[in-house]
PDB file of N, CA and C in Angstrom:
ATOM      1  N   SER A   1       0.806  -1.189   0.000  1.00  0.00           N
ATOM      2  CA  SER A   1       0.000   0.000   0.000  1.00  0.00           C
ATOM      3  C   SER A   1       0.853   1.259   0.000  1.00  0.00           C
ATOM      4  N   ARG A   2       1.987   1.170   0.723  1.00  0.00           N
ATOM      5  CA  ARG A   2       2.902   2.314   0.673  1.00  0.00           C
ATOM      6  C   ARG A   2       3.485   2.448  -0.724  1.00  0.00           C
ATOM      7  N   THR A   3       3.799   1.371  -1.317  1.00  0.00           N
ATOM      8  CA  THR A   3       4.354   1.377  -2.655  1.00  0.00           C
ATOM      9  C   THR A   3       3.315   1.931  -3.631  1.00  0.00           C
ATOM     10  N   ALA A   4       2.099   1.502  -3.481  1.00  0.00           N
ATOM     11  CA  ALA A   4       1.027   1.988  -4.351  1.00  0.00           C
ATOM     12  C   ALA A   4       0.845   3.480  -4.155  1.00  0.00           C
ATOM     13  N   LEU A   5       0.918   3.932  -2.889  1.00  0.00           N
ATOM     14  CA  LEU A   5       0.783   5.355  -2.592  1.00  0.00           C
ATOM     15  C   LEU A   5       1.948   6.128  -3.189  1.00  0.00           C
ATOM     16  N   ALA A   6       3.162   5.588  -3.047  1.00  0.00           N
ATOM     17  CA  ALA A   6       4.345   6.245  -3.607  1.00  0.00           C
ATOM     18  C   ALA A   6       4.240   6.303  -5.122  1.00  0.00           C
ATOM     19  N   GLU A   7       3.771   5.221  -5.732  1.00  0.00           N
ATOM     20  CA  GLU A   7       3.610   5.212  -7.188  1.00  0.00           C
ATOM     21  C   GLU A   7       2.540   6.210  -7.613  1.00  0.00           C
ATOM     22  N   GLN A   8       1.479   6.315  -6.846  1.00  0.00           N
ATOM     23  CA  GLN A   8       0.406   7.277  -7.159  1.00  0.00           C
ATOM     24  C   GLN A   8       0.932   8.704  -7.055  1.00  0.00           C
ATOM     25  N   ILE A   9       1.720   8.952  -5.985  1.00  0.00           N
ATOM     26  CA  ILE A   9       2.301  10.298  -5.802  1.00  0.00           C
ATOM     27  C   ILE A   9       3.264  10.594  -6.952  1.00  0.00           C
ATOM     28  N   ALA A  10       4.100   9.613  -7.336  1.00  0.00           N
ATOM     29  CA  ALA A  10       5.040   9.795  -8.445  1.00  0.00           C
ATOM     30  C   ALA A  10       4.276  10.059  -9.738  1.00  0.00           C
ATOM     31  N   ALA A  11       3.184   9.344  -9.960  1.00  0.00           N
ATOM     32  CA  ALA A  11       2.365   9.535 -11.159  1.00  0.00           C
ATOM     33  C   ALA A  11       1.744  10.933 -11.147  1.00  0.00           C
ATOM     34  N   ASP A  12       1.259  11.344  -9.961  1.00  0.00           N
ATOM     35  CA  ASP A  12       0.671  12.690  -9.846  1.00  0.00           C
ATOM     36  C   ASP A  12       1.728  13.769 -10.113  1.00  0.00           C
ATOM     37  N   VAL A  13       2.936  13.566  -9.590  1.00  0.00           N
ATOM     38  CA  VAL A  13       4.022  14.536  -9.796  1.00  0.00           C
ATOM     39  C   VAL A  13       4.359  14.618 -11.285  1.00  0.00           C
ATOM     40  N   ARG A  14       4.447  13.429 -11.946  1.00  0.00           N
ATOM     41  CA  ARG A  14       4.726  13.421 -13.382  1.00  0.00           C
ATOM     42  C   ARG A  14       3.624  14.155 -14.147  1.00  0.00           C
ATOM     43  N   GLN A  15       2.404  13.888 -13.770  1.00  0.00           N
ATOM     44  CA  GLN A  15       1.259  14.541 -14.429  1.00  0.00           C
ATOM     45  C   GLN A  15       1.337  16.056 -14.234  1.00  0.00           C
ATOM     46  N   LEU A  16       1.642  16.491 -13.009  1.00  0.00           N
ATOM     47  CA  LEU A  16       1.766  17.926 -12.734  1.00  0.00           C
ATOM     48  C   LEU A  16       2.904  18.549 -13.532  1.00  0.00           C
ATOM     49  N   ARG A  17       4.055  17.805 -13.581  1.00  0.00           N
ATOM     50  CA  ARG A  17       5.211  18.305 -14.331  1.00  0.00           C
ATOM     51  C   ARG A  17       4.864  18.450 -15.810  1.00  0.00           C
ATOM     52  N   GLU A  18       4.189  17.462 -16.387  1.00  0.00           N
ATOM     53  CA  GLU A  18       3.817  17.503 -17.802  1.00  0.00           C
ATOM     54  C   GLU A  18       2.862  18.664 -18.072  1.00  0.00           C
ATOM     55  N   THR A  19       1.889  18.813 -17.170  1.00  0.00           N
ATOM     56  CA  THR A  19       0.938  19.916 -17.309  1.00  0.00           C
ATOM     57  C   THR A  19       1.664  21.253 -17.209  1.00  0.00           C
ATOM     58  N   PHE A  20       2.557  21.372 -16.237  1.00  0.00           N
ATOM     59  CA  PHE A  20       3.326  22.606 -16.054  1.00  0.00           C
ATOM     60  C   PHE A  20       4.171  22.895 -17.294  1.00  0.00           C
ATOM     61  N   GLU A  21       4.868  21.878 -17.812  1.00  0.00           N
ATOM     62  CA  GLU A  21       5.721  22.064 -18.982  1.00  0.00           C
ATOM     63  C   GLU A  21       4.894  22.454 -20.207  1.00  0.00           C
ATOM     64  N   ALA A  22       3.735  21.828 -20.359  1.00  0.00           N
ATOM     65  CA  ALA A  22       2.873  22.153 -21.493  1.00  0.00           C
ATOM     66  C   ALA A  22       2.390  23.604 -21.388  1.00  0.00           C
ATOM     67  N   ARG A  23       1.938  23.964 -20.201  1.00  0.00           N
ATOM     68  CA  ARG A  23       1.477  25.350 -20.000  1.00  0.00           C
ATOM     69  C   ARG A  23       2.617  26.336 -20.110  1.00  0.00           C
ATOM     70  N   SER A  24       3.767  25.950 -19.641  1.00  0.00           N
ATOM     71  CA  SER A  24       4.938  26.809 -19.733  1.00  0.00           C
ATOM     72  C   SER A  24       5.299  27.043 -21.198  1.00  0.00           C
ATOM     73  N   GLY A  25       5.246  25.973 -21.983  1.00  0.00           N
ATOM     74  CA  GLY A  25       5.530  26.097 -23.424  1.00  0.00           C
ATOM     75  C   GLY A  25       4.549  27.033 -24.104  1.00  0.00           C
ATOM     76  N   VAL A  26       3.268  26.889 -23.765  1.00  0.00           N
ATOM     77  CA  VAL A  26       2.232  27.756 -24.334  1.00  0.00           C
ATOM     78  C   VAL A  26       2.490  29.201 -23.917  1.00  0.00           C
ATOM     79  N   SER A  27       2.833  29.395 -22.650  1.00  0.00           N
ATOM     80  CA  SER A  27       3.103  30.742 -22.159  1.00  0.00           C
ATOM     81  C   SER A  27       4.310  31.354 -22.864  1.00  0.00           C
ATOM     82  N   GLU A  28       5.356  30.550 -23.069  1.00  0.00           N
ATOM     83  CA  GLU A  28       6.535  31.049 -23.775  1.00  0.00           C
ATOM     84  C   GLU A  28       6.201  31.410 -25.216  1.00  0.00           C
ATOM     85  N   GLU A  29       5.360  30.600 -25.852  1.00  0.00           N
ATOM     86  CA  GLU A  29       4.938  30.901 -27.220  1.00  0.00           C
ATOM     87  C   GLU A  29       4.143  32.208 -27.259  1.00  0.00           C
ATOM     88  N   ARG A  30       3.251  32.372 -26.316  1.00  0.00           N
ATOM     89  CA  ARG A  30       2.453  33.599 -26.244  1.00  0.00           C
ATOM     90  C   ARG A  30       3.353  34.811 -26.010  1.00  0.00           C
ATOM     91  N   LEU A  31       4.308  34.673 -25.108  1.00  0.00           N
ATOM     92  CA  LEU A  31       5.233  35.762 -24.820  1.00  0.00           C
ATOM     93  C   LEU A  31       6.052  36.114 -26.063  1.00  0.00           C
ATOM     94  N   ALA A  32       6.545  35.101 -26.760  1.00  0.00           N
ATOM     95  CA  ALA A  32       7.318  35.339 -27.981  1.00  0.00           C
ATOM     96  C   ALA A  32       6.460  36.048 -29.027  1.00  0.00           C
ATOM     97  N   ARG A  33       5.203  35.595 -29.164  1.00  0.00           N
ATOM     98  CA  ARG A  33       4.296  36.223 -30.126  1.00  0.00           C
ATOM     99  C   ARG A  33       4.027  37.676 -29.738  1.00  0.00           C
ATOM    100  N   LEU A  34       3.817  37.931 -28.453  1.00  0.00           N
ATOM    101  CA  LEU A  34       3.603  39.303 -27.994  1.00  0.00           C
ATOM    102  C   LEU A  34       4.821  40.185 -28.251  1.00  0.00           C
ATOM    103  N   GLU A  35       6.003  39.626 -28.027  1.00  0.00           N
ATOM    104  CA  GLU A  35       7.225  40.392 -28.300  1.00  0.00           C
ATOM    105  C   GLU A  35       7.349  40.705 -29.790  1.00  0.00           C
ATOM    106  N   ARG A  36       7.045  39.729 -30.658  1.00  0.00           N
ATOM    107  CA  ARG A  36       7.084  39.973 -32.108  1.00  0.00           C
ATOM    108  C   ARG A  36       6.055  41.024 -32.510  1.00  0.00           C
ATOM    109  N   ASP A  37       4.846  40.895 -31.945  1.00  0.00           N
ATOM    110  CA  ASP A  37       3.791  41.866 -32.257  1.00  0.00           C
ATOM    111  C   ASP A  37       4.185  43.263 -31.787  1.00  0.00           C
ATOM    112  N   GLY A  38       4.800  43.336 -30.615  1.00  0.00           N
ATOM    113  CA  GLY A  38       5.254  44.629 -30.098  1.00  0.00           C
ATOM    114  C   GLY A  38       6.324  45.244 -30.984  1.00  0.00           C
ATOM    115  N   GLU A  39       7.246  44.419 -31.431  1.00  0.00           N
ATOM    116  CA  GLU A  39       8.309  44.914 -32.328  1.00  0.00           C
ATOM    117  C   GLU A  39       7.718  45.383 -33.650  1.00  0.00           C
ATOM    118  N   ARG A  40       6.786  44.623 -34.191  1.00  0.00           N
ATOM    119  CA  ARG A  40       6.130  45.026 -35.442  1.00  0.00           C
ATOM    120  C   ARG A  40       5.381  46.339 -35.251  1.00  0.00           C
ATOM    121  N   ALA A  41       4.703  46.474 -34.118  1.00  0.00           N
ATOM    122  CA  ALA A  41       3.971  47.716 -33.841  1.00  0.00           C
ATOM    123  C   ALA A  41       4.933  48.899 -33.749  1.00  0.00           C
ATOM    124  N   ARG A  42       6.111  48.685 -33.128  1.00  0.00           N
ATOM    125  CA  ARG A  42       7.099  49.772 -33.044  1.00  0.00           C
ATOM    126  C   ARG A  42       7.607  50.161 -34.433  1.00  0.00           C
ATOM    127  N   ARG A  43       7.850  49.162 -35.303  1.00  0.00           N
ATOM    128  CA  ARG A  43       8.300  49.459 -36.670  1.00  0.00           C
ATOM    129  C   ARG A  43       7.225  50.217 -37.445  1.00  0.00           C
ATOM    130  N   GLU A  44       5.970  49.760 -37.289  1.00  0.00           N
ATOM    131  CA  GLU A  44       4.874  50.434 -37.988  1.00  0.00           C
ATOM    132  C   GLU A  44       4.701  51.863 -37.489  1.00  0.00           C
ATOM    133  N   GLU A  45       4.853  52.049 -36.187  1.00  0.00           N
ATOM    134  CA  GLU A  45       4.751  53.397 -35.620  1.00  0.00           C
ATOM    135  C   GLU A  45       5.867  54.291 -36.157  1.00  0.00           C
ATOM    136  N   ALA A  46       7.079  53.764 -36.236  1.00  0.00           N
ATOM    137  CA  ALA A  46       8.206  54.534 -36.771  1.00  0.00           C
ATOM    138  C   ALA A  46       7.958  54.884 -38.241  1.00  0.00           C
ATOM    139  N   ALA A  47       7.443  53.924 -38.999  1.00  0.00           N
ATOM    140  CA  ALA A  47       7.146  54.184 -40.414  1.00  0.00           C
ATOM    141  C   ALA A  47       6.052  55.242 -40.549  1.00  0.00           C
ATOM    142  N   ALA A  48       5.036  55.160 -39.705  1.00  0.00           N
ATOM    143  CA  ALA A  48       3.948  56.143 -39.740  1.00  0.00           C
ATOM    144  C   ALA A  48       4.471  57.527 -39.377  1.00  0.00           C
ATOM    145  N   ARG A  49       5.361  57.587 -38.371  1.00  0.00           N
ATOM    146  CA  ARG A  49       5.954  58.871 -37.985  1.00  0.00           C
ATOM    147  C   ARG A  49       6.763  59.459 -39.137  1.00  0.00           C
ATOM    148  N   GLU A  50       7.515  58.618 -39.826  1.00  0.00           N
ATOM    149  CA  GLU A  50       8.329  59.072 -40.964  1.00  0.00           C
ATOM    150  C   GLU A  50       7.431  59.556 -42.097  1.00  0.00           C
ATOM    151  N   GLN A  51       6.348  58.829 -42.353  1.00  0.00           N
ATOM    152  CA  GLN A  51       5.410  59.252 -43.393  1.00  0.00           C
ATOM    153  C   GLN A  51       4.760  60.581 -43.027  1.00  0.00           C
ATOM    154  N   LEU A  52       4.434  60.752 -41.763  1.00  0.00           N
ATOM    155  CA  LEU A  52       3.842  62.012 -41.316  1.00  0.00           C
ATOM    156  C   LEU A  52       4.828  63.157 -41.493  1.00  0.00           C
ATOM    157  N   ARG A  53       6.097  62.914 -41.133  1.00  0.00           N
ATOM    158  CA  ARG A  53       7.122  63.951 -41.323  1.00  0.00           C
ATOM    159  C   ARG A  53       7.249  64.323 -42.799  1.00  0.00           C
ATOM    160  N   ALA A  54       7.261  63.308 -43.664  1.00  0.00           N
ATOM    161  CA  ALA A  54       7.369  63.562 -45.105  1.00  0.00           C
ATOM    162  C   ALA A  54       6.155  64.348 -45.602  1.00  0.00           C
ATOM    163  N   LEU A  55       4.983  63.998 -45.111  1.00  0.00           N
ATOM    164  CA  LEU A  55       3.763  64.707 -45.502  1.00  0.00           C
ATOM    165  C   LEU A  55       3.804  66.157 -45.031  1.00  0.00           C
ATOM    166  N   GLN A  56       4.267  66.376 -43.803  1.00  0.00           N
ATOM    167  CA  GLN A  56       4.390  67.741 -43.289  1.00  0.00           C
ATOM    168  C   GLN A  56       5.375  68.547 -44.138  1.00  0.00           C
ATOM    169  N   ASN A  57       6.497  67.917 -44.516  1.00  0.00           N
ATOM    170  CA  ASN A  57       7.474  68.610 -45.362  1.00  0.00           C
ATOM    171  C   ASN A  57       6.882  68.930 -46.729  1.00  0.00           C
ATOM    172  N   ASP A  58       6.158  67.960 -47.302  1.00  0.00           N
ATOM    173  CA  ASP A  58       5.513  68.199 -48.594  1.00  0.00           C
ATOM    174  C   ASP A  58       4.511  69.340 -48.501  1.00  0.00           C
ATOM    175  N   PHE A  59       3.731  69.367 -47.423  1.00  0.00           N
ATOM    176  CA  PHE A  59       2.742  70.423 -47.253  1.00  0.00           C
ATOM    177  C   PHE A  59       3.432  71.777 -47.094  1.00  0.00           C
ATOM    178  N   ARG A  60       4.521  71.796 -46.301  1.00  0.00           N
ATOM    179  CA  ARG A  60       5.256  73.049 -46.112  1.00  0.00           C
ATOM    180  C   ARG A  60       5.825  73.526 -47.448  1.00  0.00           C
ATOM    181  N   ASP A  61       6.413  72.614 -48.213  1.00  0.00           N
ATOM    182  CA  ASP A  61       6.966  72.981 -49.515  1.00  0.00           C
ATOM    183  C   ASP A  61       5.867  73.467 -50.455  1.00  0.00           C
ATOM    184  N   PHE A  62       4.733  72.788 -50.444  1.00  0.00           N
ATOM    185  CA  PHE A  62       3.619  73.206 -51.294  1.00  0.00           C
ATOM    186  C   PHE A  62       3.166  74.617 -50.913  1.00  0.00           C
ATOM    187  N   THR A  63       3.057  74.870 -49.604  1.00  0.00           N
ATOM    188  CA  THR A  63       2.617  76.180 -49.138  1.00  0.00           C
ATOM    189  C   THR A  63       3.595  77.260 -49.563  1.00  0.00           C
ATOM    190  N   VAL A  64       4.886  76.988 -49.383  1.00  0.00           N
ATOM    191  CA  VAL A  64       5.909  77.965 -49.773  1.00  0.00           C
ATOM    192  C   VAL A  64       5.848  78.228 -51.270  1.00  0.00           C
ATOM    193  N   GLN A  65       5.725  77.171 -52.061  1.00  0.00           N
ATOM    194  CA  GLN A  65       5.652  77.341 -53.514  1.00  0.00           C
ATOM    195  C   GLN A  65       4.395  78.095 -53.923  1.00  0.00           C
ATOM    196  N   ALA A  66       3.269  77.758 -53.287  1.00  0.00           N
ATOM    197  CA  ALA A  66       2.005  78.433 -53.621  1.00  0.00           C
ATOM    198  C   ALA A  66       2.095  79.914 -53.279  1.00  0.00           C
ATOM    199  N   LEU A  67       2.668  80.229 -52.120  1.00  0.00           N
ATOM    200  CA  LEU A  67       2.817  81.636 -51.744  1.00  0.00           C
ATOM    201  C   LEU A  67       3.770  82.358 -52.689  1.00  0.00           C
ATOM    202  N   GLY A  68       4.833  81.668 -53.100  1.00  0.00           N
ATOM    203  CA  GLY A  68       5.769  82.264 -54.058  1.00  0.00           C
ATOM    204  C   GLY A  68       5.096  82.560 -55.388  1.00  0.00           C
ATOM    205  N   ARG A  69       4.299  81.596 -55.879  1.00  0.00           N
ATOM    206  CA  ARG A  69       3.571  81.814 -57.138  1.00  0.00           C
ATOM    207  C   ARG A  69       2.573  82.950 -56.995  1.00  0.00           C
ATOM    208  N   GLN A  70       1.872  82.982 -55.868  1.00  0.00           N
ATOM    209  CA  GLN A  70       0.885  84.043 -55.654  1.00  0.00           C
ATOM    210  C   GLN A  70       1.571  85.404 -55.593  1.00  0.00           C
ATOM    211  N   ARG A  71       2.707  85.487 -54.905  1.00  0.00           N
ATOM    212  CA  ARG A  71       3.439  86.749 -54.806  1.00  0.00           C
ATOM    213  C   ARG A  71       3.911  87.195 -56.194  1.00  0.00           C
ATOM    214  N   ALA A  72       4.441  86.249 -56.978  1.00  0.00           N
ATOM    215  CA  ALA A  72       4.905  86.578 -58.325  1.00  0.00           C
ATOM    216  C   ALA A  72       3.739  87.052 -59.189  1.00  0.00           C
ATOM    217  N   GLN A  73       2.591  86.419 -59.040  1.00  0.00           N
ATOM    218  CA  GLN A  73       1.415  86.812 -59.819  1.00  0.00           C
ATOM    219  C   GLN A  73       0.972  88.228 -59.435  1.00  0.00           C
ATOM    220  N   VAL A  74       0.947  88.522 -58.133  1.00  0.00           N
ATOM    221  CA  VAL A  74       0.553  89.859 -57.680  1.00  0.00           C
ATOM    222  C   VAL A  74       1.560  90.897 -58.188  1.00  0.00           C
ATOM    223  N   GLU A  75       2.859  90.565 -58.107  1.00  0.00           N
ATOM    224  CA  GLU A  75       3.882  91.491 -58.603  1.00  0.00           C
ATOM    225  C   GLU A  75       3.693  91.761 -60.092  1.00  0.00           C
ATOM    226  N   GLN A  76       3.380  90.713 -60.852  1.00  0.00           N
ATOM    227  CA  GLN A  76       3.151  90.865 -62.289  1.00  0.00           C
ATOM    228  C   GLN A  76       1.936  91.748 -62.551  1.00  0.00           C
ATOM    229  N   GLU A  77       0.863  91.514 -61.808  1.00  0.00           N
ATOM    230  CA  GLU A  77      -0.356  92.314 -61.990  1.00  0.00           C
ATOM    231  C   GLU A  77      -0.103  93.777 -61.648  1.00  0.00           C
ATOM    232  N   VAL A  78       0.643  94.018 -60.570  1.00  0.00           N
ATOM    233  CA  VAL A  78       0.964  95.399 -60.183  1.00  0.00           C
ATOM    234  C   VAL A  78       1.827  96.053 -61.255  1.00  0.00           C
ATOM    235  N   ALA A  79       2.824  95.311 -61.757  1.00  0.00           N
ATOM    236  CA  ALA A  79       3.687  95.853 -62.806  1.00  0.00           C
ATOM    237  C   ALA A  79       2.884  96.191 -64.054  1.00  0.00           C
ATOM    238  N   GLU A  80       1.955  95.312 -64.436  1.00  0.00           N
ATOM    239  CA  GLU A  80       1.114  95.570 -65.607  1.00  0.00           C
ATOM    240  C   GLU A  80       0.211  96.776 -65.376  1.00  0.00           C
ATOM    241  N   ALA A  81      -0.346  96.891 -64.172  1.00  0.00           N
ATOM    242  CA  ALA A  81      -1.213  98.035 -63.860  1.00  0.00           C
ATOM    243  C   ALA A  81      -0.412  99.329 -63.906  1.00  0.00           C
ATOM    244  N   LEU A  82       0.796  99.315 -63.373  1.00  0.00           N
ATOM    245  CA  LEU A  82       1.647 100.510 -63.412  1.00  0.00           C
ATOM    246  C   LEU A  82       2.020 100.859 -64.848  1.00  0.00           C
ATOM    247  N   ALA A  83       2.292  99.850 -65.657  1.00  0.00           N
ATOM    248  CA  ALA A  83       2.627 100.096 -67.066  1.00  0.00           C
ATOM    249  C   ALA A  83       1.432 100.702 -67.797  1.00  0.00           C
ATOM    250  N   ARG A  84       0.227 100.187 -67.528  1.00  0.00           N
ATOM    251  CA  ARG A  84      -0.980 100.751 -68.160  1.00  0.00           C
ATOM    252  C   ARG A  84      -1.195 102.194 -67.721  1.00  0.00           C
ATOM    253  N   GLN A  85      -0.976 102.444 -66.434  1.00  0.00           N
ATOM    254  CA  GLN A  85      -1.145 103.802 -65.921  1.00  0.00           C
ATOM    255  C   GLN A  85      -0.118 104.740 -66.551  1.00  0.00           C
ATOM    256  N   GLN A  86       1.123 104.278 -66.671  1.00  0.00           N
ATOM    257  CA  GLN A  86       2.167 105.110 -67.281  1.00  0.00           C
ATOM    258  C   GLN A  86       1.836 105.392 -68.742  1.00  0.00           C
ATOM    259  N   LEU A  87       1.350 104.362 -69.454  1.00  0.00           N
ATOM    260  CA  LEU A  87       0.964 104.543 -70.852  1.00  0.00           C
ATOM    261  C   LEU A  87      -0.177 105.541 -70.960  1.00  0.00           C
ATOM    262  N   SER A  88      -1.152 105.430 -70.071  1.00  0.00           N
ATOM    263  CA  SER A  88      -2.278 106.359 -70.067  1.00  0.00           C
ATOM    264  C   SER A  88      -1.789 107.788 -69.805  1.00  0.00           C
ATOM    265  N   ASN A  89      -0.880 107.928 -68.829  1.00  0.00           N
ATOM    266  CA  ASN A  89      -0.315 109.257 -68.530  1.00  0.00           C
ATOM    267  C   ASN A  89       0.455 109.794 -69.735  1.00  0.00           C
ATOM    268  N   ASP A  90       1.231 108.948 -70.391  1.00  0.00           N
ATOM    269  CA  ASP A  90       2.004 109.368 -71.557  1.00  0.00           C
ATOM    270  C   ASP A  90       1.080 109.798 -72.693  1.00  0.00           C
ATOM    271  N   GLU A  91      -0.007 109.035 -72.911  1.00  0.00           N
ATOM    272  CA  GLU A  91      -0.966 109.380 -73.960  1.00  0.00           C
ATOM    273  C   GLU A  91      -1.639 110.717 -73.643  1.00  0.00           C
ATOM    274  N   TRP A  92      -1.973 110.908 -72.371  1.00  0.00           N
ATOM    275  CA  TRP A  92      -2.606 112.168 -71.960  1.00  0.00           C
ATOM    276  C   TRP A  92      -1.658 113.336 -72.186  1.00  0.00           C
ATOM    277  N   ARG A  93      -0.390 113.174 -71.817  1.00  0.00           N
ATOM    278  CA  ARG A  93       0.601 114.236 -72.019  1.00  0.00           C
ATOM    279  C   ARG A  93       0.780 114.534 -73.502  1.00  0.00           C
ATOM    280  N   ALA A  94       0.831 113.462 -74.297  1.00  0.00           N
ATOM    281  CA  ALA A  94       0.985 113.660 -75.747  1.00  0.00           C
ATOM    282  C   ALA A  94      -0.212 114.420 -76.304  1.00  0.00           C
ATOM    283  N   ALA A  95      -1.406 114.081 -75.857  1.00  0.00           N
ATOM    284  CA  ALA A  95      -2.614 114.770 -76.308  1.00  0.00           C
ATOM    285  C   ALA A  95      -2.585 116.231 -75.867  1.00  0.00           C
ATOM    286  N   MET A  96      -2.126 116.484 -74.655  1.00  0.00           N
ATOM    287  CA  MET A  96      -2.052 117.868 -74.150  1.00  0.00           C
ATOM    288  C   MET A  96      -1.019 118.663 -74.951  1.00  0.00           C
ATOM    289  N   ARG A  97       0.107 118.050 -75.295  1.00  0.00           N
ATOM    290  CA  ARG A  97       1.137 118.737 -76.102  1.00  0.00           C
ATOM    291  C   ARG A  97       0.586 119.069 -77.481  1.00  0.00           C
ATOM    292  N   GLN A  98      -0.154 118.106 -78.026  1.00  0.00           N
ATOM    293  CA  GLN A  98      -0.733 118.340 -79.344  1.00  0.00           C
ATOM    294  C   GLN A  98      -1.739 119.481 -79.286  1.00  0.00           C
ATOM    295  N   THR A  99      -2.556 119.470 -78.243  1.00  0.00           N
ATOM    296  CA  THR A  99      -3.536 120.548 -78.071  1.00  0.00           C
ATOM    297  C   THR A  99      -2.815 121.877 -77.896  1.00  0.00           C
ATOM    298  N   ASP A 100      -1.768 121.914 -77.074  1.00  0.00           N
ATOM    299  CA  ASP A 100      -0.985 123.135 -76.867  1.00  0.00           C
ATOM    300  C   ASP A 100      -0.364 123.602 -78.186  1.00  0.00           C
ATOM    301  N   ALA A 101       0.142 122.636 -78.963  1.00  0.00           N
ATOM    302  CA  ALA A 101       0.768 122.990 -80.235  1.00  0.00           C
ATOM    303  C   ALA A 101      -0.265 123.575 -81.185  1.00  0.00           C
ATOM    304  N   GLN A 102      -1.477 123.013 -81.201  1.00  0.00           N
ATOM    305  CA  GLN A 102      -2.528 123.540 -82.066  1.00  0.00           C
ATOM    306  C   GLN A 102      -2.917 124.944 -81.643  1.00  0.00           C
ATOM    307  N   ILE A 103      -3.043 125.133 -80.321  1.00  0.00           N
ATOM    308  CA  ILE A 103      -3.407 126.468 -79.807  1.00  0.00           C
ATOM    309  C   ILE A 103      -2.306 127.466 -80.135  1.00  0.00           C
ATOM    310  N   GLN A 104      -1.052 127.088 -79.963  1.00  0.00           N
ATOM    311  CA  GLN A 104       0.076 127.970 -80.287  1.00  0.00           C
ATOM    312  C   GLN A 104       0.080 128.279 -81.764  1.00  0.00           C
ATOM    313  N   GLY A 105      -0.227 127.247 -82.560  1.00  0.00           N
ATOM    314  CA  GLY A 105      -0.274 127.468 -84.015  1.00  0.00           C
ATOM    315  C   GLY A 105      -1.367 128.426 -84.400  1.00  0.00           C
ATOM    316  N   GLU A 106      -2.506 128.341 -83.749  1.00  0.00           N
ATOM    317  CA  GLU A 106      -3.606 129.247 -84.045  1.00  0.00           C
ATOM    318  C   GLU A 106      -3.307 130.653 -83.567  1.00  0.00           C
ATOM    319  N   LEU A 107      -2.593 130.758 -82.441  1.00  0.00           N
ATOM    320  CA  LEU A 107      -2.251 132.080 -81.919  1.00  0.00           C
ATOM    321  C   LEU A 107      -1.233 132.784 -82.814  1.00  0.00           C
ATOM    322  N   VAL A 108      -0.350 132.036 -83.394  1.00  0.00           N
ATOM    323  CA  VAL A 108       0.687 132.611 -84.251  1.00  0.00           C
ATOM    324  C   VAL A 108       0.066 133.119 -85.526  1.00  0.00           C
ATOM    325  N   ARG A 109      -0.926 132.527 -86.042  1.00  0.00           N
ATOM    326  CA  ARG A 109      -1.587 132.955 -87.291  1.00  0.00           C
ATOM    327  C   ARG A 109      -2.337 134.176 -87.111  1.00  0.00           C
TER     328      ARG A 109
END
């Protein structure tokens, strides 16, 4: 009976050890999977951060270029308006000179 009890205890210990080892293996697999998932998440986060930085740079460059084009367009429009005004002033002066010349010509006669 002692032998049977000792054998039963040994069998129970073996059963517990096998169960522990099986659960330990599962736990190690889960831990390894979690570590891999965590590493993948860190890589994805780094890639997302890099993409965001690139997008911010692209947006900044686009804004700078758009403002540069807008400034150049406004400068061109102002230059054209000034040229039209100068031409109008020149035409007016020419007309006034012609009128003065006609009046002087009539006065001389």
